[in-house]
């Protein structure tokens, strides 16, 4: 896997994991403030979710990279 392919795969994995991580710990506030959407989370903690997404994506990408480079799965033949 070349470095451009590796970056593209990481990008796709990162976005997929982000959409899986976003709902974790999210719940609507008891009373929404004026101008706030009813379903908006009280404390989104987006920085923590980005950090978790980055770490999980790195592990998944490493597994994909090792699988492709080991020859276990060949996309050339």
C-alpha atoms as a PDB file:
ATOM      1  CA  UNK A   1       0.000   0.000   0.000  1.00  0.00           C
ATOM      2  CA  UNK A   2       1.447   3.350  -1.030  1.00  0.00           C
ATOM      3  CA  UNK A   3       1.346   6.372   1.212  1.00  0.00           C
ATOM      4  CA  UNK A   4      -1.451   8.064  -0.779  1.00  0.00           C
ATOM      5  CA  UNK A   5      -3.568   4.908  -0.569  1.00  0.00           C
ATOM      6  CA  UNK A   6      -2.756   4.653   3.130  1.00  0.00           C
ATOM      7  CA  UNK A   7      -3.913   8.213   3.762  1.00  0.00           C
ATOM      8  CA  UNK A   8      -7.100   7.633   1.765  1.00  0.00           C
ATOM      9  CA  UNK A   9      -7.889   4.443   3.689  1.00  0.00           C
ATOM     10  CA  UNK A  10      -7.197   6.183   7.021  1.00  0.00           C
ATOM     11  CA  UNK A  11      -9.477   9.074   6.017  1.00  0.00           C
ATOM     12  CA  UNK A  12     -12.360   6.723   5.191  1.00  0.00           C
ATOM     13  CA  UNK A  13     -11.819   4.676   8.361  1.00  0.00           C
ATOM     14  CA  UNK A  14     -11.626   7.853  10.490  1.00  0.00           C
ATOM     15  CA  UNK A  15     -14.963   9.184   9.196  1.00  0.00           C
ATOM     16  CA  UNK A  16     -16.650   5.817   9.613  1.00  0.00           C
ATOM     17  CA  UNK A  17     -15.422   5.496  13.197  1.00  0.00           C
ATOM     18  CA  UNK A  18     -16.423   9.099  13.939  1.00  0.00           C
ATOM     19  CA  UNK A  19     -20.033   8.399  13.016  1.00  0.00           C
ATOM     20  CA  UNK A  20     -19.943   5.346  15.286  1.00  0.00           C
ATOM     21  CA  UNK A  21     -18.440   7.327  18.206  1.00  0.00           C
ATOM     22  CA  UNK A  22     -20.569  10.491  18.007  1.00  0.00           C
ATOM     23  CA  UNK A  23     -23.629   9.107  19.852  1.00  0.00           C
ATOM     24  CA  UNK A  24     -21.581   7.808  22.807  1.00  0.00           C
ATOM     25  CA  UNK A  25     -22.612   9.630  25.986  1.00  0.00           C
ATOM     26  CA  UNK A  26     -24.879  12.094  24.199  1.00  0.00           C
ATOM     27  CA  UNK A  27     -28.172  12.958  25.785  1.00  0.00           C
ATOM     28  CA  UNK A  28     -30.457  15.936  25.470  1.00  0.00           C
ATOM     29  CA  UNK A  29     -30.616  18.454  28.322  1.00  0.00           C
ATOM     30  CA  UNK A  30     -33.616  18.538  30.648  1.00  0.00           C
ATOM     31  CA  UNK A  31     -34.581  22.012  29.460  1.00  0.00           C
ATOM     32  CA  UNK A  32     -33.361  23.328  26.142  1.00  0.00           C
ATOM     33  CA  UNK A  33     -32.186  26.940  26.068  1.00  0.00           C
ATOM     34  CA  UNK A  34     -33.954  29.321  23.702  1.00  0.00           C
ATOM     35  CA  UNK A  35     -32.611  28.902  20.172  1.00  0.00           C
ATOM     36  CA  UNK A  36     -31.195  25.446  20.941  1.00  0.00           C
ATOM     37  CA  UNK A  37     -32.455  22.422  19.027  1.00  0.00           C
ATOM     38  CA  UNK A  38     -34.411  19.926  21.136  1.00  0.00           C
ATOM     39  CA  UNK A  39     -32.137  17.007  20.211  1.00  0.00           C
ATOM     40  CA  UNK A  40     -28.821  18.852  20.660  1.00  0.00           C
ATOM     41  CA  UNK A  41     -26.590  17.184  23.286  1.00  0.00           C
ATOM     42  CA  UNK A  42     -26.024  19.008  26.555  1.00  0.00           C
ATOM     43  CA  UNK A  43     -22.264  18.316  26.614  1.00  0.00           C
ATOM     44  CA  UNK A  44     -21.056  17.078  23.212  1.00  0.00           C
ATOM     45  CA  UNK A  45     -17.382  16.573  24.316  1.00  0.00           C
ATOM     46  CA  UNK A  46     -16.326  16.676  20.672  1.00  0.00           C
ATOM     47  CA  UNK A  47     -12.601  16.915  21.488  1.00  0.00           C
ATOM     48  CA  UNK A  48     -12.709  13.654  23.435  1.00  0.00           C
ATOM     49  CA  UNK A  49     -14.679  11.998  20.641  1.00  0.00           C
ATOM     50  CA  UNK A  50     -12.125  13.161  18.048  1.00  0.00           C
ATOM     51  CA  UNK A  51      -9.301  11.748  20.201  1.00  0.00           C
ATOM     52  CA  UNK A  52     -11.067   8.392  20.609  1.00  0.00           C
ATOM     53  CA  UNK A  53     -11.858   8.331  16.880  1.00  0.00           C
ATOM     54  CA  UNK A  54      -8.220   8.997  16.001  1.00  0.00           C
ATOM     55  CA  UNK A  55      -6.922   6.262  18.316  1.00  0.00           C
ATOM     56  CA  UNK A  56      -9.451   3.628  17.209  1.00  0.00           C
ATOM     57  CA  UNK A  57      -8.908   4.537  13.545  1.00  0.00           C
ATOM     58  CA  UNK A  58      -5.149   4.158  13.931  1.00  0.00           C
ATOM     59  CA  UNK A  59      -5.582   0.625  15.300  1.00  0.00           C
ATOM     60  CA  UNK A  60      -8.038  -0.331  12.545  1.00  0.00           C
ATOM     61  CA  UNK A  61      -5.782   1.198   9.875  1.00  0.00           C
ATOM     62  CA  UNK A  62      -2.799  -0.716  11.241  1.00  0.00           C
ATOM     63  CA  UNK A  63      -4.744  -3.982  11.014  1.00  0.00           C
ATOM     64  CA  UNK A  64      -5.750  -3.171   7.428  1.00  0.00           C
ATOM     65  CA  UNK A  65      -2.168  -2.241   6.542  1.00  0.00           C
ATOM     66  CA  UNK A  66      -0.749  -5.429   8.055  1.00  0.00           C
ATOM     67  CA  UNK A  67      -3.360  -7.535   6.255  1.00  0.00           C
ATOM     68  CA  UNK A  68      -2.619  -5.942   2.878  1.00  0.00           C
ATOM     69  CA  UNK A  69       1.174  -5.953   3.207  1.00  0.00           C
ATOM     70  CA  UNK A  70       1.324  -9.519   4.547  1.00  0.00           C
ATOM     71  CA  UNK A  71      -0.066 -10.874   1.294  1.00  0.00           C
ATOM     72  CA  UNK A  72      -2.974 -12.533   3.097  1.00  0.00           C
ATOM     73  CA  UNK A  73      -5.301 -10.624   0.790  1.00  0.00           C
ATOM     74  CA  UNK A  74      -3.986  -9.653  -2.628  1.00  0.00           C
ATOM     75  CA  UNK A  75      -5.627  -7.005  -4.743  1.00  0.00           C
ATOM     76  CA  UNK A  76      -3.132  -7.537  -7.586  1.00  0.00           C
ATOM     77  CA  UNK A  77      -4.174 -11.028  -8.703  1.00  0.00           C
END
